[in-house]
Amino acid sequence: MIWMDNARIGAIFAVIFLHMSAEVVVGNDIGTGYWWFGNLYDSLVRWCVPIFVMISGALLLDPNKKEDLAQFYKKRLSRILVPLLFWSAFYIMWAILKGQLKGDAPSGIELATRLLSGKPHAHLWFLYMILGLYVFTPFFRKVVAYSSDRELGLLVAFLFVISAANSVYEGVYPNSDPGLFINLFPRYIPYFIMGHIVRHTLIKPSNRLLFSIFVFSFLATMTGCYYISMQRGLNAGLYFYDYQSITVIPMSLSLIFLLKQWESPMLSEDITREISSLTLGAYLIHPTILPVLRYTGLMTTTFHPSVSVPVVSFFVFAVSLIAAWVIRQVPFIKRIV
């Protein structure tokens, strides 16, 4: 599955690139030159999380895998629970320490709310969301196994319509209550099942069509964010960055089909596979590197974002992978990544 390894590596870099771009978007006035570079970069990589989810679906929803519930949960949940529990505790302690240093330590209620909402740190919501998908994967496999291609396609289309409609509603009527983390995963079910469809389908859309859809969706995301932000404020404009927005869905689906055709490894096969195996660790670790960069003065605001965002992103990406690799060499803690 070389294309999946390539896609996973690209997606983790895109996540880091997105986080660096977001600093520029929220840190500059709407419509300025700096803001536009942040908006361009951020819009360009909004496919990162959907690609991760589709890769998971492609790997986990194979109906030929014969595992009972006990076998599946023992194998899969242990893989996700150990890093989830460790890094949740780590980032809660991180928040307490930072609060104490600033003289504004978070209250017990605030920390409990972060945990229950699946956000002990902003990026950890992804693990809590994936946990929900893992819990229901054995049942999704039944749906996949007993559905025709047409039925599965219709199901995914209906689910995407529901997810997109919900995203629009939340953009118009934002809800400040984060809710329980168990509410995170349902809207990602269509991406999850779509991963299985992409892996097994024999349909090969033309590259020209796929590339056109991707470029149009990217441009619509970028311009939509600008126009709505100018009219209703940045929070409203950020709707177009949502992973279920009407522009990010086609962007993500077109790209996964393009990635499927990437049949040669990004580097050598062994190195590509090794880096791919480190992507979860890099995702979990990368926020810890940012305060160090701020302390040294290397940030996206240090120089023009057209250059600073890629440079800082590559640096964080490389250091995160190295840190994950080092942790993997230590027997007692390697399971946290």
C-alpha atoms as a PDB file:
ATOM      1  CA  MET A   1       0.000   0.000   0.000  1.00  0.00           C
ATOM      2  CA  ILE A   2       2.669   2.479  -1.071  1.00  0.00           C
ATOM      3  CA  TRP A   3       0.144   5.179  -1.957  1.00  0.00           C
ATOM      4  CA  MET A   4      -1.270   5.083   1.575  1.00  0.00           C
ATOM      5  CA  ASP A   5       2.177   5.561   3.085  1.00  0.00           C
ATOM      6  CA  ASN A   6       2.761   8.500   0.750  1.00  0.00           C
ATOM      7  CA  ALA A   7      -0.648   9.945   1.613  1.00  0.00           C
ATOM      8  CA  ARG A   8      -0.074   9.585   5.339  1.00  0.00           C
ATOM      9  CA  ILE A   9       3.257  11.396   5.162  1.00  0.00           C
ATOM     10  CA  GLY A  10       1.755  14.164   3.056  1.00  0.00           C
ATOM     11  CA  ALA A  11      -1.180  14.501   5.438  1.00  0.00           C
ATOM     12  CA  ILE A  12       0.939  14.887   8.578  1.00  0.00           C
ATOM     13  CA  PHE A  13       3.040  17.572   6.917  1.00  0.00           C
ATOM     14  CA  ALA A  14      -0.187  19.266   5.793  1.00  0.00           C
ATOM     15  CA  VAL A  15      -1.476  19.247   9.393  1.00  0.00           C
ATOM     16  CA  ILE A  16       1.643  21.037  10.610  1.00  0.00           C
ATOM     17  CA  PHE A  17       1.560  23.392   7.626  1.00  0.00           C
ATOM     18  CA  LEU A  18      -2.087  24.167   8.421  1.00  0.00           C
ATOM     19  CA  HIS A  19      -1.291  25.018  12.041  1.00  0.00           C
ATOM     20  CA  MET A  20       1.493  27.361  10.971  1.00  0.00           C
ATOM     21  CA  SER A  21      -0.767  29.009   8.379  1.00  0.00           C
ATOM     22  CA  ALA A  22      -3.563  29.433  10.909  1.00  0.00           C
ATOM     23  CA  GLU A  23      -1.297  31.592  13.072  1.00  0.00           C
ATOM     24  CA  VAL A  24      -0.963  34.005  10.150  1.00  0.00           C
ATOM     25  CA  VAL A  25      -4.716  34.004   9.403  1.00  0.00           C
ATOM     26  CA  VAL A  26      -5.778  34.823  12.962  1.00  0.00           C
ATOM     27  CA  GLY A  27      -2.819  37.108  13.669  1.00  0.00           C
ATOM     28  CA  ASN A  28      -3.297  39.608  10.839  1.00  0.00           C
ATOM     29  CA  ASP A  29      -6.045  41.918   9.632  1.00  0.00           C
ATOM     30  CA  ILE A  30      -8.375  40.414   7.039  1.00  0.00           C
ATOM     31  CA  GLY A  31      -7.383  41.298   3.486  1.00  0.00           C
ATOM     32  CA  THR A  32      -3.802  42.353   4.201  1.00  0.00           C
ATOM     33  CA  GLY A  33      -0.955  40.807   2.234  1.00  0.00           C
ATOM     34  CA  TYR A  34       0.184  38.698   5.200  1.00  0.00           C
ATOM     35  CA  TRP A  35      -3.387  37.504   5.802  1.00  0.00           C
ATOM     36  CA  TRP A  36      -3.806  36.488   2.172  1.00  0.00           C
ATOM     37  CA  PHE A  37      -0.698  34.297   2.283  1.00  0.00           C
ATOM     38  CA  GLY A  38      -1.985  32.628   5.442  1.00  0.00           C
ATOM     39  CA  ASN A  39      -5.398  32.156   3.839  1.00  0.00           C
ATOM     40  CA  LEU A  40      -3.877  30.736   0.648  1.00  0.00           C
ATOM     41  CA  TYR A  41      -1.680  28.253   2.508  1.00  0.00           C
ATOM     42  CA  ASP A  42      -4.391  27.255   4.975  1.00  0.00           C
ATOM     43  CA  SER A  43      -6.972  26.712   2.233  1.00  0.00           C
ATOM     44  CA  LEU A  44      -4.528  24.614   0.229  1.00  0.00           C
ATOM     45  CA  VAL A  45      -4.130  21.904   2.910  1.00  0.00           C
ATOM     46  CA  ARG A  46      -7.606  21.609   4.390  1.00  0.00           C
ATOM     47  CA  TRP A  47      -7.743  18.034   3.090  1.00  0.00           C
ATOM     48  CA  CYS A  48      -5.268  16.791   5.713  1.00  0.00           C
ATOM     49  CA  VAL A  49      -7.668  15.374   8.317  1.00  0.00           C
ATOM     50  CA  PRO A  50     -10.146  13.906   5.772  1.00  0.00           C
ATOM     51  CA  ILE A  51      -7.226  12.083   4.104  1.00  0.00           C
ATOM     52  CA  PHE A  52      -6.188  10.593   7.453  1.00  0.00           C
ATOM     53  CA  VAL A  53      -9.745   9.408   8.097  1.00  0.00           C
ATOM     54  CA  MET A  54     -10.095   7.914   4.609  1.00  0.00           C
ATOM     55  CA  ILE A  55      -6.808   6.039   4.998  1.00  0.00           C
ATOM     56  CA  SER A  56      -8.097   4.583   8.278  1.00  0.00           C
ATOM     57  CA  GLY A  57     -11.310   3.493   6.579  1.00  0.00           C
ATOM     58  CA  ALA A  58      -9.390   1.962   3.684  1.00  0.00           C
ATOM     59  CA  LEU A  59      -7.361  -0.143   6.103  1.00  0.00           C
ATOM     60  CA  LEU A  60      -9.985  -1.055   8.695  1.00  0.00           C
ATOM     61  CA  LEU A  61     -13.161  -1.644   6.704  1.00  0.00           C
ATOM     62  CA  ASP A  62     -11.927  -4.630   4.730  1.00  0.00           C
ATOM     63  CA  PRO A  63     -14.826  -7.122   5.074  1.00  0.00           C
ATOM     64  CA  ASN A  64     -12.425 -10.006   4.436  1.00  0.00           C
ATOM     65  CA  LYS A  65     -10.793  -9.481   7.807  1.00  0.00           C
ATOM     66  CA  LYS A  66     -12.153 -12.174  10.110  1.00  0.00           C
ATOM     67  CA  GLU A  67     -12.004 -10.817  13.649  1.00  0.00           C
ATOM     68  CA  ASP A  68     -14.572 -11.128  16.377  1.00  0.00           C
ATOM     69  CA  LEU A  69     -15.340  -8.123  18.561  1.00  0.00           C
ATOM     70  CA  ALA A  70     -12.915  -9.140  21.305  1.00  0.00           C
ATOM     71  CA  GLN A  71     -10.046  -9.618  18.862  1.00  0.00           C
ATOM     72  CA  PHE A  72     -10.716  -6.358  17.097  1.00  0.00           C
ATOM     73  CA  TYR A  73     -10.998  -4.258  20.248  1.00  0.00           C
ATOM     74  CA  LYS A  74      -7.949  -5.849  21.834  1.00  0.00           C
ATOM     75  CA  LYS A  75      -5.865  -5.167  18.743  1.00  0.00           C
ATOM     76  CA  ARG A  76      -7.145  -1.748  17.708  1.00  0.00           C
ATOM     77  CA  LEU A  77      -8.258   0.004  20.877  1.00  0.00           C
ATOM     78  CA  SER A  78      -5.024  -0.814  22.680  1.00  0.00           C
ATOM     79  CA  ARG A  79      -3.197   0.872  19.801  1.00  0.00           C
ATOM     80  CA  ILE A  80      -5.137   4.109  20.234  1.00  0.00           C
ATOM     81  CA  LEU A  81      -5.908   4.095  23.970  1.00  0.00           C
ATOM     82  CA  VAL A  82      -2.307   4.108  25.198  1.00  0.00           C
ATOM     83  CA  PRO A  83      -1.272   7.267  23.300  1.00  0.00           C
ATOM     84  CA  LEU A  84      -4.655   8.885  23.967  1.00  0.00           C
ATOM     85  CA  LEU A  85      -4.405   8.414  27.733  1.00  0.00           C
ATOM     86  CA  PHE A  86      -0.722   9.342  27.938  1.00  0.00           C
ATOM     87  CA  TRP A  87      -0.922  12.490  25.824  1.00  0.00           C
ATOM     88  CA  SER A  88      -4.171  13.605  27.426  1.00  0.00           C
ATOM     89  CA  ALA A  89      -2.464  13.470  30.811  1.00  0.00           C
ATOM     90  CA  PHE A  90       0.662  15.103  29.374  1.00  0.00           C
ATOM     91  CA  TYR A  91      -1.176  18.059  27.874  1.00  0.00           C
ATOM     92  CA  ILE A  92      -3.357  18.532  30.943  1.00  0.00           C
ATOM     93  CA  MET A  93      -0.177  18.797  33.036  1.00  0.00           C
ATOM     94  CA  TRP A  94       1.248  21.092  30.354  1.00  0.00           C
ATOM     95  CA  ALA A  95      -1.794  23.379  30.692  1.00  0.00           C
ATOM     96  CA  ILE A  96      -1.493  23.428  34.480  1.00  0.00           C
ATOM     97  CA  LEU A  97       2.221  24.254  34.342  1.00  0.00           C
ATOM     98  CA  LYS A  98       1.762  27.021  31.765  1.00  0.00           C
ATOM     99  CA  GLY A  99      -1.109  28.462  33.778  1.00  0.00           C
ATOM    100  CA  GLN A 100       0.916  28.499  36.969  1.00  0.00           C
ATOM    101  CA  LEU A 101       3.862  30.197  35.240  1.00  0.00           C
ATOM    102  CA  LYS A 102       1.497  32.871  33.921  1.00  0.00           C
ATOM    103  CA  GLY A 103      -0.351  33.175  37.232  1.00  0.00           C
ATOM    104  CA  ASP A 104      -3.619  31.964  35.687  1.00  0.00           C
ATOM    105  CA  ALA A 105      -3.868  28.235  36.322  1.00  0.00           C
ATOM    106  CA  PRO A 106      -6.957  26.553  34.788  1.00  0.00           C
ATOM    107  CA  SER A 107      -9.660  25.444  37.213  1.00  0.00           C
ATOM    108  CA  GLY A 108     -10.615  21.826  37.780  1.00  0.00           C
ATOM    109  CA  ILE A 109     -13.894  22.395  35.950  1.00  0.00           C
ATOM    110  CA  GLU A 110     -12.075  23.840  32.938  1.00  0.00           C
ATOM    111  CA  LEU A 111      -9.697  20.870  32.804  1.00  0.00           C
ATOM    112  CA  ALA A 112     -12.586  18.408  33.124  1.00  0.00           C
ATOM    113  CA  THR A 113     -14.406  20.189  30.303  1.00  0.00           C
ATOM    114  CA  ARG A 114     -11.351  19.863  28.094  1.00  0.00           C
ATOM    115  CA  LEU A 115     -11.176  16.128  28.738  1.00  0.00           C
ATOM    116  CA  LEU A 116     -14.891  15.481  28.264  1.00  0.00           C
ATOM    117  CA  SER A 117     -14.929  17.479  25.031  1.00  0.00           C
ATOM    118  CA  GLY A 118     -11.914  15.556  23.711  1.00  0.00           C
ATOM    119  CA  LYS A 119      -9.638  18.590  23.717  1.00  0.00           C
ATOM    120  CA  PRO A 120      -7.076  18.385  26.537  1.00  0.00           C
ATOM    121  CA  HIS A 121      -5.041  20.111  23.836  1.00  0.00           C
ATOM    122  CA  ALA A 122      -6.570  21.510  20.665  1.00  0.00           C
ATOM    123  CA  HIS A 123      -5.121  18.872  18.316  1.00  0.00           C
ATOM    124  CA  LEU A 124      -6.015  15.837  20.443  1.00  0.00           C
ATOM    125  CA  TRP A 125      -9.639  15.954  19.318  1.00  0.00           C
ATOM    126  CA  PHE A 126      -8.519  13.795  16.393  1.00  0.00           C
ATOM    127  CA  LEU A 127      -7.639  10.849  18.644  1.00  0.00           C
ATOM    128  CA  TYR A 128     -10.952  11.112  20.485  1.00  0.00           C
ATOM    129  CA  MET A 129     -12.784  11.226  17.153  1.00  0.00           C
ATOM    130  CA  ILE A 130     -10.875   8.229  15.752  1.00  0.00           C
ATOM    131  CA  LEU A 131     -11.632   6.330  18.944  1.00  0.00           C
ATOM    132  CA  GLY A 132     -15.345   6.679  18.186  1.00  0.00           C
ATOM    133  CA  LEU A 133     -14.841   5.380  14.645  1.00  0.00           C
ATOM    134  CA  TYR A 134     -12.812   2.436  15.945  1.00  0.00           C
ATOM    135  CA  VAL A 135     -15.528   1.472  18.420  1.00  0.00           C
ATOM    136  CA  PHE A 136     -18.088   1.165  15.631  1.00  0.00           C
ATOM    137  CA  THR A 137     -15.787  -0.260  12.939  1.00  0.00           C
ATOM    138  CA  PRO A 138     -16.922  -3.909  13.401  1.00  0.00           C
ATOM    139  CA  PHE A 139     -20.489  -2.792  12.704  1.00  0.00           C
ATOM    140  CA  PHE A 140     -19.471  -0.627   9.751  1.00  0.00           C
ATOM    141  CA  ARG A 141     -17.752  -3.708   8.322  1.00  0.00           C
ATOM    142  CA  LYS A 142     -21.121  -5.490   8.292  1.00  0.00           C
ATOM    143  CA  VAL A 143     -22.656  -2.625   6.337  1.00  0.00           C
ATOM    144  CA  VAL A 144     -19.790  -2.691   3.853  1.00  0.00           C
ATOM    145  CA  ALA A 145     -19.882  -6.478   3.462  1.00  0.00           C
ATOM    146  CA  TYR A 146     -23.630  -6.667   2.733  1.00  0.00           C
ATOM    147  CA  SER A 147     -24.021  -3.550   0.601  1.00  0.00           C
ATOM    148  CA  SER A 148     -23.620  -3.320  -3.157  1.00  0.00           C
ATOM    149  CA  ASP A 149     -21.293  -0.690  -4.596  1.00  0.00           C
ATOM    150  CA  ARG A 150     -24.307   1.392  -5.592  1.00  0.00           C
ATOM    151  CA  GLU A 151     -25.884   1.154  -2.134  1.00  0.00           C
ATOM    152  CA  LEU A 152     -22.610   2.067  -0.458  1.00  0.00           C
ATOM    153  CA  GLY A 153     -22.144   5.019  -2.791  1.00  0.00           C
ATOM    154  CA  LEU A 154     -25.658   6.295  -2.046  1.00  0.00           C
ATOM    155  CA  LEU A 155     -25.108   5.878   1.687  1.00  0.00           C
ATOM    156  CA  VAL A 156     -21.897   7.896   1.589  1.00  0.00           C
ATOM    157  CA  ALA A 157     -23.527  10.583  -0.570  1.00  0.00           C
ATOM    158  CA  PHE A 158     -26.438  10.925   1.884  1.00  0.00           C
ATOM    159  CA  LEU A 159     -24.053  11.082   4.844  1.00  0.00           C
ATOM    160  CA  PHE A 160     -21.951  13.769   3.165  1.00  0.00           C
ATOM    161  CA  VAL A 161     -25.094  15.829   2.517  1.00  0.00           C
ATOM    162  CA  ILE A 162     -26.039  15.535   6.198  1.00  0.00           C
ATOM    163  CA  SER A 163     -22.510  16.420   7.348  1.00  0.00           C
ATOM    164  CA  ALA A 164     -22.306  19.391   4.982  1.00  0.00           C
ATOM    165  CA  ALA A 165     -25.739  20.658   6.072  1.00  0.00           C
ATOM    166  CA  ASN A 166     -24.723  20.360   9.714  1.00  0.00           C
ATOM    167  CA  SER A 167     -21.520  22.291   8.976  1.00  0.00           C
ATOM    168  CA  VAL A 168     -23.509  25.103   7.337  1.00  0.00           C
ATOM    169  CA  TYR A 169     -25.910  25.221  10.303  1.00  0.00           C
ATOM    170  CA  GLU A 170     -23.054  25.449  12.800  1.00  0.00           C
ATOM    171  CA  GLY A 171     -21.479  28.199  10.706  1.00  0.00           C
ATOM    172  CA  VAL A 172     -24.692  30.226  10.812  1.00  0.00           C
ATOM    173  CA  TYR A 173     -25.595  29.376  14.424  1.00  0.00           C
ATOM    174  CA  PRO A 174     -22.309  28.681  16.207  1.00  0.00           C
ATOM    175  CA  ASN A 175     -22.577  26.775  19.466  1.00  0.00           C
ATOM    176  CA  SER A 176     -19.995  27.650  22.109  1.00  0.00           C
ATOM    177  CA  ASP A 177     -20.714  24.440  24.053  1.00  0.00           C
ATOM    178  CA  PRO A 178     -18.155  21.847  22.888  1.00  0.00           C
ATOM    179  CA  GLY A 179     -20.299  18.891  23.969  1.00  0.00           C
ATOM    180  CA  LEU A 180     -18.974  15.416  24.777  1.00  0.00           C
ATOM    181  CA  PHE A 181     -16.170  13.954  22.687  1.00  0.00           C
ATOM    182  CA  ILE A 182     -18.463  11.134  21.557  1.00  0.00           C
ATOM    183  CA  ASN A 183     -20.185  13.684  19.304  1.00  0.00           C
ATOM    184  CA  LEU A 184     -17.003  14.188  17.268  1.00  0.00           C
ATOM    185  CA  PHE A 185     -16.972  11.036  15.151  1.00  0.00           C
ATOM    186  CA  PRO A 186     -20.413  10.764  13.428  1.00  0.00           C
ATOM    187  CA  ARG A 187     -19.721  13.508  10.887  1.00  0.00           C
ATOM    188  CA  TYR A 188     -16.556  11.683   9.795  1.00  0.00           C
ATOM    189  CA  ILE A 189     -18.348   8.417   9.000  1.00  0.00           C
ATOM    190  CA  PRO A 190     -18.759   9.294   5.284  1.00  0.00           C
ATOM    191  CA  TYR A 191     -15.019   9.941   4.953  1.00  0.00           C
ATOM    192  CA  PHE A 192     -14.318   6.677   6.788  1.00  0.00           C
ATOM    193  CA  ILE A 193     -16.494   4.598   4.454  1.00  0.00           C
ATOM    194  CA  MET A 194     -15.256   6.555   1.439  1.00  0.00           C
ATOM    195  CA  GLY A 195     -11.745   5.342   2.215  1.00  0.00           C
ATOM    196  CA  HIS A 196     -12.928   1.763   1.692  1.00  0.00           C
ATOM    197  CA  ILE A 197     -14.647   2.708  -1.559  1.00  0.00           C
ATOM    198  CA  VAL A 198     -11.565   4.461  -2.938  1.00  0.00           C
ATOM    199  CA  ARG A 199      -9.314   1.521  -2.083  1.00  0.00           C
ATOM    200  CA  HIS A 200     -11.482  -1.108  -3.764  1.00  0.00           C
ATOM    201  CA  THR A 201     -13.182   0.689  -6.633  1.00  0.00           C
ATOM    202  CA  LEU A 202     -12.097  -0.026 -10.188  1.00  0.00           C
ATOM    203  CA  ILE A 203     -13.346   3.377 -11.350  1.00  0.00           C
ATOM    204  CA  LYS A 204     -10.511   5.703 -12.346  1.00  0.00           C
ATOM    205  CA  PRO A 205     -11.647   9.304 -12.866  1.00  0.00           C
ATOM    206  CA  SER A 206      -9.411  11.267 -15.221  1.00  0.00           C
ATOM    207  CA  ASN A 207      -6.541  13.147 -13.629  1.00  0.00           C
ATOM    208  CA  ARG A 208      -7.586  16.307 -15.446  1.00  0.00           C
ATOM    209  CA  LEU A 209     -11.062  16.138 -13.885  1.00  0.00           C
ATOM    210  CA  LEU A 210      -9.690  15.381 -10.424  1.00  0.00           C
ATOM    211  CA  PHE A 211      -7.104  18.151 -10.605  1.00  0.00           C
ATOM    212  CA  SER A 212      -9.734  20.626 -11.836  1.00  0.00           C
ATOM    213  CA  ILE A 213     -12.029  19.755  -8.928  1.00  0.00           C
ATOM    214  CA  PHE A 214      -9.170  20.141  -6.456  1.00  0.00           C
ATOM    215  CA  VAL A 215      -8.061  23.531  -7.806  1.00  0.00           C
ATOM    216  CA  PHE A 216     -11.622  24.870  -7.999  1.00  0.00           C
ATOM    217  CA  SER A 217     -12.371  23.690  -4.444  1.00  0.00           C
ATOM    218  CA  PHE A 218      -9.152  25.238  -3.133  1.00  0.00           C
ATOM    219  CA  LEU A 219      -9.892  28.578  -4.798  1.00  0.00           C
ATOM    220  CA  ALA A 220     -13.491  28.509  -3.563  1.00  0.00           C
ATOM    221  CA  THR A 221     -12.276  27.813  -0.011  1.00  0.00           C
ATOM    222  CA  MET A 222      -9.814  30.707  -0.129  1.00  0.00           C
ATOM    223  CA  THR A 223     -12.145  33.270  -1.692  1.00  0.00           C
ATOM    224  CA  GLY A 224     -15.183  32.137   0.301  1.00  0.00           C
ATOM    225  CA  CYS A 225     -13.282  32.602   3.555  1.00  0.00           C
ATOM    226  CA  TYR A 226     -12.265  36.107   2.490  1.00  0.00           C
ATOM    227  CA  TYR A 227     -15.694  37.365   1.376  1.00  0.00           C
ATOM    228  CA  ILE A 228     -17.616  35.977   4.346  1.00  0.00           C
ATOM    229  CA  SER A 229     -14.915  37.209   6.745  1.00  0.00           C
ATOM    230  CA  MET A 230     -15.181  40.712   5.307  1.00  0.00           C
ATOM    231  CA  GLN A 231     -18.961  40.708   5.687  1.00  0.00           C
ATOM    232  CA  ARG A 232     -19.516  38.850   8.942  1.00  0.00           C
ATOM    233  CA  GLY A 233     -16.115  38.550  10.633  1.00  0.00           C
ATOM    234  CA  LEU A 234     -13.378  35.932  10.623  1.00  0.00           C
ATOM    235  CA  ASN A 235     -15.257  33.382  12.748  1.00  0.00           C
ATOM    236  CA  ALA A 236     -18.003  33.208  10.133  1.00  0.00           C
ATOM    237  CA  GLY A 237     -15.494  33.026   7.269  1.00  0.00           C
ATOM    238  CA  LEU A 238     -13.727  30.103   8.889  1.00  0.00           C
ATOM    239  CA  TYR A 239     -16.732  27.970   7.910  1.00  0.00           C
ATOM    240  CA  PHE A 240     -14.933  27.322   4.623  1.00  0.00           C
ATOM    241  CA  TYR A 241     -12.048  25.739   6.537  1.00  0.00           C
ATOM    242  CA  ASP A 242     -14.368  23.196   8.147  1.00  0.00           C
ATOM    243  CA  TYR A 243     -13.631  19.615   7.128  1.00  0.00           C
ATOM    244  CA  GLN A 244     -17.284  19.164   6.128  1.00  0.00           C
ATOM    245  CA  SER A 245     -17.665  22.448   4.264  1.00  0.00           C
ATOM    246  CA  ILE A 246     -19.054  22.430   0.739  1.00  0.00           C
ATOM    247  CA  THR A 247     -15.578  23.179  -0.617  1.00  0.00           C
ATOM    248  CA  VAL A 248     -13.357  20.920   1.515  1.00  0.00           C
ATOM    249  CA  ILE A 249     -15.374  17.750   0.819  1.00  0.00           C
ATOM    250  CA  PRO A 250     -14.775  17.773  -2.972  1.00  0.00           C
ATOM    251  CA  MET A 251     -11.193  18.937  -2.420  1.00  0.00           C
ATOM    252  CA  SER A 252     -10.506  15.932  -0.188  1.00  0.00           C
ATOM    253  CA  LEU A 253     -12.279  13.380  -2.387  1.00  0.00           C
ATOM    254  CA  SER A 254     -10.522  14.486  -5.552  1.00  0.00           C
ATOM    255  CA  LEU A 255      -7.135  14.374  -3.842  1.00  0.00           C
ATOM    256  CA  ILE A 256      -7.553  10.859  -2.416  1.00  0.00           C
ATOM    257  CA  PHE A 257      -8.210   9.557  -5.943  1.00  0.00           C
ATOM    258  CA  LEU A 258      -5.125  11.380  -7.190  1.00  0.00           C
ATOM    259  CA  LEU A 259      -3.028   9.982  -4.348  1.00  0.00           C
ATOM    260  CA  LYS A 260      -4.206   6.449  -5.100  1.00  0.00           C
ATOM    261  CA  GLN A 261      -2.395   6.688  -8.433  1.00  0.00           C
ATOM    262  CA  TRP A 262       0.909   7.563  -6.712  1.00  0.00           C
ATOM    263  CA  GLU A 263       2.300   4.039  -6.929  1.00  0.00           C
ATOM    264  CA  SER A 264       6.000   4.704  -6.330  1.00  0.00           C
ATOM    265  CA  PRO A 265       7.321   5.448  -2.809  1.00  0.00           C
ATOM    266  CA  MET A 266       8.045   9.045  -1.870  1.00  0.00           C
ATOM    267  CA  LEU A 267      11.612   8.051  -0.954  1.00  0.00           C
ATOM    268  CA  SER A 268      12.909   4.482  -0.852  1.00  0.00           C
ATOM    269  CA  GLU A 269      10.248   1.942   0.076  1.00  0.00           C
ATOM    270  CA  ASP A 270      11.774   1.179   3.495  1.00  0.00           C
ATOM    271  CA  ILE A 271      12.263   4.842   4.420  1.00  0.00           C
ATOM    272  CA  THR A 272       8.786   5.773   3.238  1.00  0.00           C
ATOM    273  CA  ARG A 273       7.269   2.971   5.314  1.00  0.00           C
ATOM    274  CA  GLU A 274       9.315   3.995   8.356  1.00  0.00           C
ATOM    275  CA  ILE A 275       8.317   7.669   8.119  1.00  0.00           C
ATOM    276  CA  SER A 276       4.697   6.650   7.599  1.00  0.00           C
ATOM    277  CA  SER A 277       4.791   4.634  10.830  1.00  0.00           C
ATOM    278  CA  LEU A 278       5.988   7.752  12.690  1.00  0.00           C
ATOM    279  CA  THR A 279       3.169  10.055  11.569  1.00  0.00           C
ATOM    280  CA  LEU A 280       0.940   9.475  14.601  1.00  0.00           C
ATOM    281  CA  GLY A 281       3.844  10.259  16.911  1.00  0.00           C
ATOM    282  CA  ALA A 282       4.694  13.393  14.933  1.00  0.00           C
ATOM    283  CA  TYR A 283       1.076  14.521  15.154  1.00  0.00           C
ATOM    284  CA  LEU A 284       1.024  14.064  18.922  1.00  0.00           C
ATOM    285  CA  ILE A 285       4.417  15.676  19.553  1.00  0.00           C
ATOM    286  CA  HIS A 286       4.503  18.681  17.231  1.00  0.00           C
ATOM    287  CA  PRO A 287       2.692  21.206  19.522  1.00  0.00           C
ATOM    288  CA  THR A 288       5.468  20.788  22.109  1.00  0.00           C
ATOM    289  CA  ILE A 289       8.006  22.166  19.637  1.00  0.00           C
ATOM    290  CA  LEU A 290       6.206  25.448  19.013  1.00  0.00           C
ATOM    291  CA  PRO A 291       6.963  27.099  22.407  1.00  0.00           C
ATOM    292  CA  VAL A 292      10.658  26.347  21.870  1.00  0.00           C
ATOM    293  CA  LEU A 293      10.510  28.047  18.483  1.00  0.00           C
ATOM    294  CA  ARG A 294       8.780  31.072  19.972  1.00  0.00           C
ATOM    295  CA  TYR A 295      11.481  31.279  22.634  1.00  0.00           C
ATOM    296  CA  THR A 296      14.232  31.229  19.990  1.00  0.00           C
ATOM    297  CA  GLY A 297      12.357  33.742  17.835  1.00  0.00           C
ATOM    298  CA  LEU A 298      11.775  31.410  14.878  1.00  0.00           C
ATOM    299  CA  MET A 299       8.065  31.872  14.178  1.00  0.00           C
ATOM    300  CA  THR A 300       5.749  32.499  11.264  1.00  0.00           C
ATOM    301  CA  THR A 301       5.844  36.194  12.189  1.00  0.00           C
ATOM    302  CA  THR A 302       9.654  36.382  12.139  1.00  0.00           C
ATOM    303  CA  PHE A 303       9.717  37.153   8.423  1.00  0.00           C
ATOM    304  CA  HIS A 304       7.303  37.204   5.490  1.00  0.00           C
ATOM    305  CA  PRO A 305       4.773  34.327   5.764  1.00  0.00           C
ATOM    306  CA  SER A 306       5.305  33.381   2.114  1.00  0.00           C
ATOM    307  CA  VAL A 307       8.643  31.992   3.324  1.00  0.00           C
ATOM    308  CA  SER A 308       8.241  31.632   7.090  1.00  0.00           C
ATOM    309  CA  VAL A 309       5.267  29.255   6.947  1.00  0.00           C
ATOM    310  CA  PRO A 310       7.010  26.644   4.743  1.00  0.00           C
ATOM    311  CA  VAL A 311      10.347  26.998   6.556  1.00  0.00           C
ATOM    312  CA  VAL A 312       8.906  26.675  10.064  1.00  0.00           C
ATOM    313  CA  SER A 313       6.600  23.863   8.938  1.00  0.00           C
ATOM    314  CA  PHE A 314       9.480  21.810   7.518  1.00  0.00           C
ATOM    315  CA  PHE A 315      11.494  22.369  10.690  1.00  0.00           C
ATOM    316  CA  VAL A 316       8.644  21.299  13.002  1.00  0.00           C
ATOM    317  CA  PHE A 317       7.887  18.348  10.725  1.00  0.00           C
ATOM    318  CA  ALA A 318      11.491  17.100  10.813  1.00  0.00           C
ATOM    319  CA  VAL A 319      11.957  17.565  14.558  1.00  0.00           C
ATOM    320  CA  SER A 320       8.610  15.871  15.296  1.00  0.00           C
ATOM    321  CA  LEU A 321       9.547  12.830  13.210  1.00  0.00           C
ATOM    322  CA  ILE A 322      12.957  12.592  14.884  1.00  0.00           C
ATOM    323  CA  ALA A 323      11.388  12.853  18.346  1.00  0.00           C
ATOM    324  CA  ALA A 324       8.842  10.142  17.478  1.00  0.00           C
ATOM    325  CA  TRP A 325      11.625   7.907  16.161  1.00  0.00           C
ATOM    326  CA  VAL A 326      13.669   8.359  19.348  1.00  0.00           C
ATOM    327  CA  ILE A 327      10.671   7.494  21.532  1.00  0.00           C
ATOM    328  CA  ARG A 328      10.051   4.392  19.404  1.00  0.00           C
ATOM    329  CA  GLN A 329      13.519   3.111  20.339  1.00  0.00           C
ATOM    330  CA  VAL A 330      12.707   3.067  24.076  1.00  0.00           C
ATOM    331  CA  PRO A 331      10.931  -0.197  24.992  1.00  0.00           C
ATOM    332  CA  PHE A 332       8.884   1.051  27.916  1.00  0.00           C
ATOM    333  CA  ILE A 333       7.414   4.124  26.250  1.00  0.00           C
ATOM    334  CA  LYS A 334       7.379   3.306  22.529  1.00  0.00           C
ATOM    335  CA  ARG A 335       3.629   2.563  22.602  1.00  0.00           C
ATOM    336  CA  ILE A 336       2.781   6.208  23.303  1.00  0.00           C
ATOM    337  CA  VAL A 337       3.561   7.027  19.661  1.00  0.00           C
END
